[in-house]
Amino acid sequence: MSENEPEDRGLLGDAKVEIVGMAKQGVKHPSTKPVLTGAAIGAVAGILLPVVSWPLGLAAGAGIALYSRIKK
């Protein structure tokens, strides 16, 4: 593979790139706001559902939002 060809990172590689980008750029990164919104929605759902706690809902909401951002 040459340096000019794009690298196929896969799902975990793409997630790592997005998470590192969000950590470095903060709110300026285009994925930060949708992931934070997903985390908030998941936390509220976790509070309302009797079996799920808010930290689990927060993590699930953020994970789903991140996955949907990566797949676009």
C-alpha atoms as a PDB file:
ATOM      1  CA  MET A   1       0.000   0.000   0.000  1.00  0.00           C
ATOM      2  CA  SER A   2       1.393   3.389  -0.919  1.00  0.00           C
ATOM      3  CA  GLU A   3       1.150   6.528   1.184  1.00  0.00           C
ATOM      4  CA  ASN A   4      -1.396   8.099  -1.179  1.00  0.00           C
ATOM      5  CA  GLU A   5      -3.963   5.303  -0.929  1.00  0.00           C
ATOM      6  CA  PRO A   6      -6.635   5.613   1.778  1.00  0.00           C
ATOM      7  CA  GLU A   7      -6.303   3.159   4.623  1.00  0.00           C
ATOM      8  CA  ASP A   8      -9.222   0.841   5.400  1.00  0.00           C
ATOM      9  CA  ARG A   9      -9.376   1.138   9.189  1.00  0.00           C
ATOM     10  CA  GLY A  10     -12.644  -0.667   9.825  1.00  0.00           C
ATOM     11  CA  LEU A  11     -15.235   0.239  12.421  1.00  0.00           C
ATOM     12  CA  LEU A  12     -12.906   0.347  15.432  1.00  0.00           C
ATOM     13  CA  GLY A  13     -10.301   2.355  13.557  1.00  0.00           C
ATOM     14  CA  ASP A  14     -12.914   4.867  12.419  1.00  0.00           C
ATOM     15  CA  ALA A  15     -14.276   5.122  15.963  1.00  0.00           C
ATOM     16  CA  LYS A  16     -10.783   5.758  17.309  1.00  0.00           C
ATOM     17  CA  VAL A  17     -10.204   8.522  14.752  1.00  0.00           C
ATOM     18  CA  GLU A  18     -13.524  10.175  15.666  1.00  0.00           C
ATOM     19  CA  ILE A  19     -12.935   9.925  19.427  1.00  0.00           C
ATOM     20  CA  VAL A  20      -9.396  11.312  19.165  1.00  0.00           C
ATOM     21  CA  GLY A  21     -10.685  14.112  16.945  1.00  0.00           C
ATOM     22  CA  MET A  22     -13.416  14.969  19.451  1.00  0.00           C
ATOM     23  CA  ALA A  23     -10.901  14.923  22.302  1.00  0.00           C
ATOM     24  CA  LYS A  24      -8.510  17.253  20.471  1.00  0.00           C
ATOM     25  CA  GLN A  25     -11.004  19.670  18.925  1.00  0.00           C
ATOM     26  CA  GLY A  26     -13.685  19.649  21.605  1.00  0.00           C
ATOM     27  CA  VAL A  27     -16.986  21.239  20.629  1.00  0.00           C
ATOM     28  CA  LYS A  28     -15.552  22.394  17.294  1.00  0.00           C
ATOM     29  CA  HIS A  29     -15.460  18.783  16.014  1.00  0.00           C
ATOM     30  CA  PRO A  30     -18.572  17.956  13.937  1.00  0.00           C
ATOM     31  CA  SER A  31     -19.253  14.710  15.834  1.00  0.00           C
ATOM     32  CA  THR A  32     -19.176  16.169  19.338  1.00  0.00           C
ATOM     33  CA  LYS A  33     -22.649  17.701  19.468  1.00  0.00           C
ATOM     34  CA  PRO A  34     -24.535  14.684  18.049  1.00  0.00           C
ATOM     35  CA  VAL A  35     -22.691  12.301  20.385  1.00  0.00           C
ATOM     36  CA  LEU A  36     -23.389  14.498  23.430  1.00  0.00           C
ATOM     37  CA  THR A  37     -27.041  14.746  22.404  1.00  0.00           C
ATOM     38  CA  GLY A  38     -27.240  10.970  22.080  1.00  0.00           C
ATOM     39  CA  ALA A  39     -25.627  10.590  25.496  1.00  0.00           C
ATOM     40  CA  ALA A  40     -28.166  12.961  27.064  1.00  0.00           C
ATOM     41  CA  ILE A  41     -31.104  11.165  25.457  1.00  0.00           C
ATOM     42  CA  GLY A  42     -29.714   7.816  26.604  1.00  0.00           C
ATOM     43  CA  ALA A  43     -29.257   9.100  30.163  1.00  0.00           C
ATOM     44  CA  VAL A  44     -32.854  10.335  30.290  1.00  0.00           C
ATOM     45  CA  ALA A  45     -34.066   7.012  28.909  1.00  0.00           C
ATOM     46  CA  GLY A  46     -31.954   5.237  31.537  1.00  0.00           C
ATOM     47  CA  ILE A  47     -33.596   7.269  34.298  1.00  0.00           C
ATOM     48  CA  LEU A  48     -37.093   6.526  33.002  1.00  0.00           C
ATOM     49  CA  LEU A  49     -36.620   2.793  32.416  1.00  0.00           C
ATOM     50  CA  PRO A  50     -36.670   0.693  35.602  1.00  0.00           C
ATOM     51  CA  VAL A  51     -34.071  -1.895  34.528  1.00  0.00           C
ATOM     52  CA  VAL A  52     -31.479   0.458  33.020  1.00  0.00           C
ATOM     53  CA  SER A  53     -29.484   2.953  35.075  1.00  0.00           C
ATOM     54  CA  TRP A  54     -28.564   6.412  33.754  1.00  0.00           C
ATOM     55  CA  PRO A  55     -24.823   5.633  33.276  1.00  0.00           C
ATOM     56  CA  LEU A  56     -25.681   2.643  31.094  1.00  0.00           C
ATOM     57  CA  GLY A  57     -28.196   4.716  29.155  1.00  0.00           C
ATOM     58  CA  LEU A  58     -25.634   7.497  28.731  1.00  0.00           C
ATOM     59  CA  ALA A  59     -23.013   5.101  27.370  1.00  0.00           C
ATOM     60  CA  ALA A  60     -25.519   3.376  25.091  1.00  0.00           C
ATOM     61  CA  GLY A  61     -26.842   6.677  23.742  1.00  0.00           C
ATOM     62  CA  ALA A  62     -23.342   7.993  23.060  1.00  0.00           C
ATOM     63  CA  GLY A  63     -22.354   4.702  21.431  1.00  0.00           C
ATOM     64  CA  ILE A  64     -25.370   4.658  19.148  1.00  0.00           C
ATOM     65  CA  ALA A  65     -24.837   8.292  18.135  1.00  0.00           C
ATOM     66  CA  LEU A  66     -21.138   7.679  17.458  1.00  0.00           C
ATOM     67  CA  TYR A  67     -21.920   4.573  15.416  1.00  0.00           C
ATOM     68  CA  SER A  68     -24.459   6.458  13.321  1.00  0.00           C
ATOM     69  CA  ARG A  69     -21.916   9.264  12.727  1.00  0.00           C
ATOM     70  CA  ILE A  70     -19.232   6.805  11.622  1.00  0.00           C
ATOM     71  CA  LYS A  71     -21.534   4.959   9.232  1.00  0.00           C
ATOM     72  CA  LYS A  72     -22.474   8.161   7.336  1.00  0.00           C
END
